[in-house]
Amino acid sequence: MSEANVSTQQPKAGEEARLPPPHVDPRGAGHHQGAPAEGSRPPVGLIWRVDRRETFEELRRARRQRSGPLTVSWVPGDPAEPPRVAYRIGRQTGPAVVRNRVRRRLRVLIRENAANLRPGAYLVGAGSGAVSMSFDDLRHSLVSALRKLQAVPR
């Protein structure tokens, strides 16, 4: 076989690609997106977190209401701001996994009752009995403690 008999054209492929083409904008990105934000996102909705030392000191001196294993303290605050909530779950409650589970459950219950919260700062404490409580029992204890707090005059 000599070079004169070799075709310079490539044969056409018999099969098409098995994967569809990517869904990419051929013009590329329109602007620089930058790095993603670090840290937790800002609070969404009606509840903020307690972040000032003075507020924690006021909460320590505030009147408490107890219902089952839950204790709730409240100090009045600026009516223009949403309520602020902090959680206190001691190490006697259990390891970190258990404490975080209780804290998540309490956060959900506080969000459910956000409309009933007066402006100010709340400290929700949970004892070791909160671990074994059902979600409905925990809800009942929290609502009961919040009602007792609202019944107390400012």
N, C-alpha and C. Protein backbone atom coordinates (compact mmCIF):
# COMPACT_ATOMS: atom_id res chain seq x y z
N MET A 1 0.84 -1.16 0.00
CA MET A 1 0.00 0.00 0.00
C MET A 1 0.89 1.23 0.00
N SER A 2 0.61 2.10 -0.90
CA SER A 2 1.41 3.31 -1.00
C SER A 2 0.64 4.48 -0.43
N GLU A 3 1.35 5.59 -0.23
CA GLU A 3 0.73 6.78 0.36
C GLU A 3 -0.31 7.38 -0.58
N ALA A 4 -0.27 7.14 -1.79
CA ALA A 4 -1.20 7.72 -2.74
C ALA A 4 -2.60 7.17 -2.55
N ASN A 5 -2.73 5.95 -2.00
CA ASN A 5 -4.04 5.34 -1.85
C ASN A 5 -4.69 5.61 -0.49
N VAL A 6 -4.04 6.33 0.46
CA VAL A 6 -4.57 6.58 1.79
C VAL A 6 -5.43 7.83 1.76
N SER A 7 -6.64 7.74 2.27
CA SER A 7 -7.57 8.87 2.29
C SER A 7 -7.18 9.84 3.41
N THR A 8 -7.28 11.13 3.15
CA THR A 8 -6.95 12.13 4.15
C THR A 8 -8.18 12.55 4.97
N GLN A 9 -9.32 12.08 4.60
CA GLN A 9 -10.53 12.43 5.34
C GLN A 9 -10.79 11.38 6.42
N GLN A 10 -11.27 11.89 7.58
CA GLN A 10 -11.60 11.01 8.70
C GLN A 10 -12.98 10.40 8.48
N PRO A 11 -13.16 9.13 8.83
CA PRO A 11 -14.50 8.55 8.70
C PRO A 11 -15.43 9.16 9.76
N LYS A 12 -16.71 9.24 9.45
CA LYS A 12 -17.68 9.79 10.40
C LYS A 12 -17.94 8.76 11.50
N ALA A 13 -18.19 9.29 12.69
CA ALA A 13 -18.45 8.42 13.83
C ALA A 13 -19.79 7.72 13.65
N GLY A 14 -19.85 6.47 14.04
CA GLY A 14 -21.07 5.71 13.89
C GLY A 14 -22.09 5.98 14.99
N GLU A 15 -21.64 6.36 16.20
CA GLU A 15 -22.54 6.60 17.31
C GLU A 15 -22.37 8.03 17.81
N GLU A 16 -23.45 8.55 18.34
CA GLU A 16 -23.36 9.88 18.95
C GLU A 16 -22.97 9.71 20.41
N ALA A 17 -22.57 10.79 20.99
CA ALA A 17 -22.16 10.76 22.40
C ALA A 17 -23.33 10.30 23.26
N ARG A 18 -23.03 9.54 24.30
CA ARG A 18 -24.08 9.02 25.17
C ARG A 18 -24.59 10.06 26.16
N LEU A 19 -23.79 11.05 26.48
CA LEU A 19 -24.18 12.08 27.44
C LEU A 19 -24.64 13.33 26.71
N PRO A 20 -25.69 13.98 27.20
CA PRO A 20 -26.12 15.21 26.56
C PRO A 20 -25.10 16.31 26.81
N PRO A 21 -25.09 17.33 25.98
CA PRO A 21 -24.13 18.42 26.19
C PRO A 21 -24.46 19.14 27.50
N PRO A 22 -23.47 19.75 28.13
CA PRO A 22 -23.71 20.43 29.40
C PRO A 22 -24.60 21.66 29.18
N HIS A 23 -25.37 21.99 30.20
CA HIS A 23 -26.23 23.16 30.15
C HIS A 23 -25.46 24.36 30.69
N VAL A 24 -24.61 24.88 29.86
CA VAL A 24 -23.74 25.97 30.27
C VAL A 24 -24.02 27.17 29.38
N ASP A 25 -24.04 28.33 30.00
CA ASP A 25 -24.21 29.56 29.24
C ASP A 25 -22.93 29.78 28.44
N PRO A 26 -23.00 29.80 27.10
CA PRO A 26 -21.77 29.93 26.31
C PRO A 26 -21.07 31.27 26.51
N ARG A 27 -21.77 32.26 27.01
CA ARG A 27 -21.14 33.57 27.24
C ARG A 27 -20.35 33.60 28.54
N GLY A 28 -20.54 32.62 29.40
CA GLY A 28 -19.81 32.59 30.67
C GLY A 28 -20.54 33.39 31.73
N ALA A 29 -19.89 33.52 32.85
CA ALA A 29 -20.49 34.24 33.97
C ALA A 29 -20.58 35.72 33.65
N GLY A 30 -21.69 36.33 34.03
CA GLY A 30 -21.90 37.75 33.74
C GLY A 30 -21.16 38.66 34.69
N HIS A 31 -20.89 38.21 35.90
CA HIS A 31 -20.20 39.04 36.89
C HIS A 31 -19.46 38.12 37.85
N HIS A 32 -18.54 38.72 38.58
CA HIS A 32 -17.78 37.96 39.55
C HIS A 32 -18.66 37.68 40.76
N GLN A 33 -18.79 36.42 41.12
CA GLN A 33 -19.68 36.07 42.22
C GLN A 33 -18.99 36.16 43.57
N GLY A 34 -17.71 36.09 43.63
CA GLY A 34 -16.99 36.18 44.89
C GLY A 34 -17.11 34.91 45.71
N ALA A 35 -16.42 34.91 46.84
CA ALA A 35 -16.44 33.76 47.72
C ALA A 35 -17.75 33.74 48.50
N PRO A 36 -18.23 32.55 48.87
CA PRO A 36 -19.45 32.50 49.68
C PRO A 36 -19.22 33.10 51.05
N ALA A 37 -20.28 33.64 51.64
CA ALA A 37 -20.18 34.26 52.96
C ALA A 37 -19.85 33.21 54.00
N GLU A 38 -19.05 33.60 55.00
CA GLU A 38 -18.69 32.69 56.06
C GLU A 38 -19.57 32.93 57.26
N GLY A 39 -19.66 31.93 58.12
CA GLY A 39 -20.42 32.08 59.35
C GLY A 39 -21.89 31.78 59.14
N SER A 40 -22.63 31.97 60.22
CA SER A 40 -24.06 31.70 60.15
C SER A 40 -24.79 32.83 59.45
N ARG A 41 -25.91 32.50 58.88
CA ARG A 41 -26.70 33.50 58.18
C ARG A 41 -27.38 34.41 59.21
N PRO A 42 -27.77 35.61 58.79
CA PRO A 42 -28.48 36.48 59.73
C PRO A 42 -29.83 35.87 60.09
N PRO A 43 -30.34 36.21 61.26
CA PRO A 43 -31.61 35.61 61.67
C PRO A 43 -32.73 35.99 60.73
N VAL A 44 -33.56 35.02 60.42
CA VAL A 44 -34.68 35.23 59.53
C VAL A 44 -35.95 35.10 60.36
N GLY A 45 -36.87 36.00 60.14
CA GLY A 45 -38.15 35.88 60.82
C GLY A 45 -38.23 36.76 62.05
N LEU A 46 -38.86 36.25 63.06
CA LEU A 46 -39.24 37.07 64.19
C LEU A 46 -38.37 36.91 65.42
N ILE A 47 -37.38 36.05 65.40
CA ILE A 47 -36.61 35.78 66.61
C ILE A 47 -35.13 36.05 66.35
N TRP A 48 -34.51 36.77 67.27
CA TRP A 48 -33.07 37.01 67.21
C TRP A 48 -32.42 36.28 68.36
N ARG A 49 -31.08 36.27 68.37
CA ARG A 49 -30.38 35.63 69.47
C ARG A 49 -29.87 36.67 70.45
N VAL A 50 -29.69 36.26 71.67
CA VAL A 50 -29.13 37.12 72.71
C VAL A 50 -27.63 37.12 72.51
N ASP A 51 -27.04 38.32 72.37
CA ASP A 51 -25.60 38.37 72.11
C ASP A 51 -24.86 39.37 72.99
N ARG A 52 -25.54 40.03 73.91
CA ARG A 52 -24.86 41.01 74.76
C ARG A 52 -24.71 40.48 76.18
N ARG A 53 -23.56 40.71 76.76
CA ARG A 53 -23.28 40.23 78.11
C ARG A 53 -24.24 40.85 79.13
N GLU A 54 -24.56 42.13 78.95
CA GLU A 54 -25.46 42.80 79.88
C GLU A 54 -26.83 42.12 79.91
N THR A 55 -27.28 41.69 78.75
CA THR A 55 -28.57 41.01 78.68
C THR A 55 -28.53 39.69 79.44
N PHE A 56 -27.44 38.95 79.32
CA PHE A 56 -27.32 37.69 80.06
C PHE A 56 -27.31 37.95 81.57
N GLU A 57 -26.64 39.03 81.99
CA GLU A 57 -26.62 39.36 83.41
C GLU A 57 -28.02 39.72 83.91
N GLU A 58 -28.78 40.45 83.10
CA GLU A 58 -30.16 40.78 83.45
C GLU A 58 -31.01 39.51 83.53
N LEU A 59 -30.81 38.61 82.59
CA LEU A 59 -31.57 37.36 82.59
C LEU A 59 -31.25 36.52 83.83
N ARG A 60 -30.03 36.59 84.31
CA ARG A 60 -29.65 35.83 85.48
C ARG A 60 -30.41 36.32 86.72
N ARG A 61 -30.67 37.64 86.76
CA ARG A 61 -31.38 38.23 87.90
C ARG A 61 -32.90 38.24 87.70
N ALA A 62 -33.37 37.92 86.51
CA ALA A 62 -34.80 38.01 86.19
C ALA A 62 -35.60 36.91 86.89
N ARG A 63 -36.90 37.14 87.00
CA ARG A 63 -37.79 36.14 87.56
C ARG A 63 -37.91 34.97 86.59
N ARG A 64 -37.93 33.77 87.16
CA ARG A 64 -38.00 32.56 86.33
C ARG A 64 -39.34 31.87 86.56
N GLN A 65 -39.77 31.20 85.51
CA GLN A 65 -40.96 30.35 85.61
C GLN A 65 -40.56 28.95 85.17
N ARG A 66 -40.96 28.00 85.97
CA ARG A 66 -40.59 26.61 85.69
C ARG A 66 -41.83 25.80 85.36
N SER A 67 -41.66 24.90 84.41
CA SER A 67 -42.72 23.96 84.06
C SER A 67 -42.04 22.67 83.65
N GLY A 68 -42.15 21.66 84.48
CA GLY A 68 -41.46 20.40 84.21
C GLY A 68 -39.96 20.63 84.24
N PRO A 69 -39.23 20.09 83.26
CA PRO A 69 -37.78 20.27 83.25
C PRO A 69 -37.35 21.60 82.62
N LEU A 70 -38.29 22.43 82.17
CA LEU A 70 -37.95 23.69 81.50
C LEU A 70 -38.07 24.87 82.45
N THR A 71 -37.14 25.80 82.30
CA THR A 71 -37.17 27.05 83.04
C THR A 71 -37.04 28.17 82.03
N VAL A 72 -37.92 29.19 82.14
CA VAL A 72 -37.89 30.31 81.20
C VAL A 72 -37.76 31.60 82.00
N SER A 73 -36.78 32.42 81.63
CA SER A 73 -36.59 33.75 82.21
C SER A 73 -36.86 34.78 81.13
N TRP A 74 -37.32 35.98 81.55
CA TRP A 74 -37.64 37.03 80.58
C TRP A 74 -37.31 38.39 81.16
N VAL A 75 -36.71 39.25 80.33
CA VAL A 75 -36.52 40.66 80.68
C VAL A 75 -37.10 41.48 79.54
N PRO A 76 -37.82 42.56 79.87
CA PRO A 76 -38.41 43.38 78.81
C PRO A 76 -37.34 44.03 77.95
N GLY A 77 -37.72 44.34 76.72
CA GLY A 77 -36.79 44.95 75.78
C GLY A 77 -37.48 45.97 74.90
N ASP A 78 -36.77 46.42 73.89
CA ASP A 78 -37.26 47.42 72.96
C ASP A 78 -38.42 46.84 72.14
N PRO A 79 -39.60 47.48 72.17
CA PRO A 79 -40.74 46.95 71.41
C PRO A 79 -40.52 46.98 69.89
N ALA A 80 -39.58 47.78 69.42
CA ALA A 80 -39.33 47.84 67.98
C ALA A 80 -38.54 46.63 67.48
N GLU A 81 -37.90 45.91 68.38
CA GLU A 81 -37.09 44.75 67.99
C GLU A 81 -37.84 43.45 68.27
N PRO A 82 -37.56 42.42 67.50
CA PRO A 82 -38.16 41.12 67.79
C PRO A 82 -37.61 40.55 69.09
N PRO A 83 -38.27 39.56 69.65
CA PRO A 83 -37.74 38.93 70.86
C PRO A 83 -36.39 38.27 70.59
N ARG A 84 -35.58 38.22 71.63
CA ARG A 84 -34.27 37.55 71.56
C ARG A 84 -34.33 36.33 72.46
N VAL A 85 -33.75 35.23 72.00
CA VAL A 85 -33.83 33.97 72.75
C VAL A 85 -32.45 33.34 72.86
N ALA A 86 -32.13 32.88 74.07
CA ALA A 86 -30.92 32.11 74.32
C ALA A 86 -31.33 30.80 75.00
N TYR A 87 -30.48 29.79 74.89
CA TYR A 87 -30.79 28.48 75.44
C TYR A 87 -29.69 28.07 76.40
N ARG A 88 -30.08 27.45 77.52
CA ARG A 88 -29.12 26.95 78.50
C ARG A 88 -29.43 25.48 78.73
N ILE A 89 -28.57 24.64 78.24
CA ILE A 89 -28.71 23.20 78.44
C ILE A 89 -27.38 22.72 79.01
N GLY A 90 -27.40 22.35 80.28
CA GLY A 90 -26.18 21.99 80.99
C GLY A 90 -25.62 20.65 80.59
N ARG A 91 -24.39 20.43 81.00
CA ARG A 91 -23.72 19.17 80.66
C ARG A 91 -24.33 17.97 81.36
N GLN A 92 -25.01 18.21 82.48
CA GLN A 92 -25.65 17.09 83.18
C GLN A 92 -26.78 16.50 82.34
N THR A 93 -27.23 17.23 81.32
CA THR A 93 -28.29 16.74 80.44
C THR A 93 -27.80 15.56 79.61
N GLY A 94 -26.54 15.58 79.22
CA GLY A 94 -26.00 14.48 78.43
C GLY A 94 -24.87 14.97 77.55
N PRO A 95 -24.38 14.11 76.67
CA PRO A 95 -23.29 14.52 75.77
C PRO A 95 -23.78 15.58 74.77
N ALA A 96 -22.87 16.14 74.02
CA ALA A 96 -23.17 17.24 73.11
C ALA A 96 -24.27 16.90 72.11
N VAL A 97 -24.28 15.68 71.63
CA VAL A 97 -25.30 15.27 70.66
C VAL A 97 -26.70 15.39 71.27
N VAL A 98 -26.84 14.96 72.49
CA VAL A 98 -28.13 15.01 73.18
C VAL A 98 -28.51 16.45 73.47
N ARG A 99 -27.56 17.25 73.96
CA ARG A 99 -27.84 18.66 74.26
C ARG A 99 -28.26 19.42 73.01
N ASN A 100 -27.58 19.17 71.89
CA ASN A 100 -27.94 19.84 70.64
C ASN A 100 -29.31 19.41 70.14
N ARG A 101 -29.68 18.15 70.34
CA ARG A 101 -31.00 17.69 69.93
C ARG A 101 -32.08 18.41 70.73
N VAL A 102 -31.87 18.55 72.04
CA VAL A 102 -32.84 19.26 72.88
C VAL A 102 -32.92 20.72 72.44
N ARG A 103 -31.78 21.34 72.16
CA ARG A 103 -31.76 22.74 71.72
C ARG A 103 -32.51 22.91 70.40
N ARG A 104 -32.33 22.01 69.45
CA ARG A 104 -33.05 22.10 68.18
C ARG A 104 -34.55 21.96 68.38
N ARG A 105 -34.96 21.04 69.25
CA ARG A 105 -36.38 20.88 69.52
C ARG A 105 -36.96 22.14 70.15
N LEU A 106 -36.22 22.74 71.07
CA LEU A 106 -36.70 23.98 71.71
C LEU A 106 -36.78 25.12 70.71
N ARG A 107 -35.83 25.20 69.80
CA ARG A 107 -35.88 26.25 68.78
C ARG A 107 -37.14 26.15 67.93
N VAL A 108 -37.49 24.94 67.54
CA VAL A 108 -38.70 24.74 66.75
C VAL A 108 -39.93 25.18 67.55
N LEU A 109 -39.97 24.82 68.82
CA LEU A 109 -41.12 25.18 69.65
C LEU A 109 -41.20 26.69 69.86
N ILE A 110 -40.05 27.34 70.01
CA ILE A 110 -40.06 28.80 70.17
C ILE A 110 -40.56 29.46 68.88
N ARG A 111 -40.14 28.96 67.73
CA ARG A 111 -40.63 29.52 66.46
C ARG A 111 -42.14 29.34 66.33
N GLU A 112 -42.66 28.20 66.78
CA GLU A 112 -44.10 27.97 66.74
C GLU A 112 -44.84 29.00 67.59
N ASN A 113 -44.24 29.41 68.70
CA ASN A 113 -44.89 30.32 69.64
C ASN A 113 -44.39 31.74 69.52
N ALA A 114 -43.76 32.09 68.41
CA ALA A 114 -43.17 33.42 68.25
C ALA A 114 -44.22 34.52 68.36
N ALA A 115 -45.43 34.27 67.91
CA ALA A 115 -46.47 35.30 67.97
C ALA A 115 -46.87 35.62 69.40
N ASN A 116 -46.65 34.69 70.32
CA ASN A 116 -47.03 34.90 71.72
C ASN A 116 -45.92 35.50 72.57
N LEU A 117 -44.75 35.74 71.99
CA LEU A 117 -43.63 36.26 72.76
C LEU A 117 -43.67 37.78 72.81
N ARG A 118 -43.51 38.31 74.02
CA ARG A 118 -43.42 39.77 74.16
C ARG A 118 -42.01 40.22 73.78
N PRO A 119 -41.84 41.49 73.38
CA PRO A 119 -40.49 41.98 73.07
C PRO A 119 -39.60 41.89 74.31
N GLY A 120 -38.38 41.51 74.10
CA GLY A 120 -37.44 41.36 75.19
C GLY A 120 -36.53 40.18 74.95
N ALA A 121 -35.87 39.76 76.02
CA ALA A 121 -34.92 38.65 75.93
C ALA A 121 -35.42 37.49 76.77
N TYR A 122 -35.29 36.30 76.24
CA TYR A 122 -35.72 35.07 76.92
C TYR A 122 -34.52 34.16 77.08
N LEU A 123 -34.48 33.47 78.21
CA LEU A 123 -33.50 32.42 78.44
C LEU A 123 -34.28 31.15 78.74
N VAL A 124 -34.16 30.17 77.86
CA VAL A 124 -34.88 28.90 78.01
C VAL A 124 -33.86 27.87 78.47
N GLY A 125 -34.07 27.35 79.68
CA GLY A 125 -33.18 26.35 80.23
C GLY A 125 -33.87 24.99 80.24
N ALA A 126 -33.10 23.95 80.01
CA ALA A 126 -33.65 22.59 79.99
C ALA A 126 -32.84 21.72 80.93
N GLY A 127 -33.56 21.00 81.78
CA GLY A 127 -32.93 20.04 82.67
C GLY A 127 -32.80 18.68 82.00
N SER A 128 -32.27 17.73 82.74
CA SER A 128 -32.01 16.42 82.15
C SER A 128 -33.31 15.68 81.81
N GLY A 129 -34.43 16.05 82.42
CA GLY A 129 -35.70 15.40 82.11
C GLY A 129 -36.22 15.71 80.72
N ALA A 130 -35.73 16.78 80.10
CA ALA A 130 -36.19 17.17 78.76
C ALA A 130 -35.76 16.17 77.70
N VAL A 131 -34.72 15.42 77.97
CA VAL A 131 -34.21 14.47 76.98
C VAL A 131 -35.22 13.37 76.70
N SER A 132 -35.87 12.87 77.74
CA SER A 132 -36.77 11.73 77.58
C SER A 132 -38.21 12.14 77.27
N MET A 133 -38.49 13.43 77.22
CA MET A 133 -39.85 13.89 76.96
C MET A 133 -40.19 13.78 75.47
N SER A 134 -41.47 13.50 75.20
CA SER A 134 -41.92 13.52 73.82
C SER A 134 -42.01 14.98 73.36
N PHE A 135 -42.11 15.17 72.06
CA PHE A 135 -42.17 16.52 71.51
C PHE A 135 -43.41 17.25 72.02
N ASP A 136 -44.54 16.57 72.10
CA ASP A 136 -45.77 17.19 72.59
C ASP A 136 -45.67 17.56 74.06
N ASP A 137 -45.06 16.71 74.88
CA ASP A 137 -44.88 17.04 76.29
C ASP A 137 -43.94 18.23 76.46
N LEU A 138 -42.90 18.28 75.63
CA LEU A 138 -41.98 19.42 75.68
C LEU A 138 -42.71 20.71 75.28
N ARG A 139 -43.55 20.61 74.25
CA ARG A 139 -44.35 21.76 73.82
C ARG A 139 -45.26 22.24 74.96
N HIS A 140 -45.92 21.30 75.62
CA HIS A 140 -46.83 21.66 76.72
C HIS A 140 -46.07 22.35 77.85
N SER A 141 -44.89 21.85 78.20
CA SER A 141 -44.10 22.47 79.26
C SER A 141 -43.65 23.88 78.88
N LEU A 142 -43.21 24.07 77.65
CA LEU A 142 -42.76 25.38 77.22
C LEU A 142 -43.91 26.38 77.19
N VAL A 143 -45.04 25.98 76.62
CA VAL A 143 -46.20 26.87 76.55
C VAL A 143 -46.67 27.24 77.95
N SER A 144 -46.66 26.28 78.85
CA SER A 144 -47.07 26.53 80.23
C SER A 144 -46.14 27.55 80.90
N ALA A 145 -44.85 27.39 80.72
CA ALA A 145 -43.89 28.34 81.32
C ALA A 145 -44.04 29.73 80.72
N LEU A 146 -44.27 29.81 79.40
CA LEU A 146 -44.46 31.12 78.77
C LEU A 146 -45.75 31.78 79.25
N ARG A 147 -46.80 31.02 79.44
CA ARG A 147 -48.06 31.59 79.97
C ARG A 147 -47.86 32.11 81.38
N LYS A 148 -47.14 31.37 82.20
CA LYS A 148 -46.88 31.83 83.57
C LYS A 148 -46.09 33.14 83.55
N LEU A 149 -45.14 33.26 82.62
CA LEU A 149 -44.37 34.50 82.52
C LEU A 149 -45.25 35.67 82.10
N GLN A 150 -46.18 35.44 81.18
CA GLN A 150 -47.05 36.51 80.71
C GLN A 150 -48.04 36.93 81.79
N ALA A 151 -48.37 36.02 82.70
CA ALA A 151 -49.29 36.36 83.77
C ALA A 151 -48.63 37.24 84.83
N VAL A 152 -47.29 37.18 84.91
CA VAL A 152 -46.55 37.99 85.89
C VAL A 152 -46.50 39.43 85.38
N PRO A 153 -46.91 40.41 86.20
CA PRO A 153 -46.82 41.80 85.75
C PRO A 153 -45.38 42.24 85.56
N ARG A 154 -45.19 43.18 84.66
CA ARG A 154 -43.84 43.67 84.38
C ARG A 154 -43.35 44.38 85.55
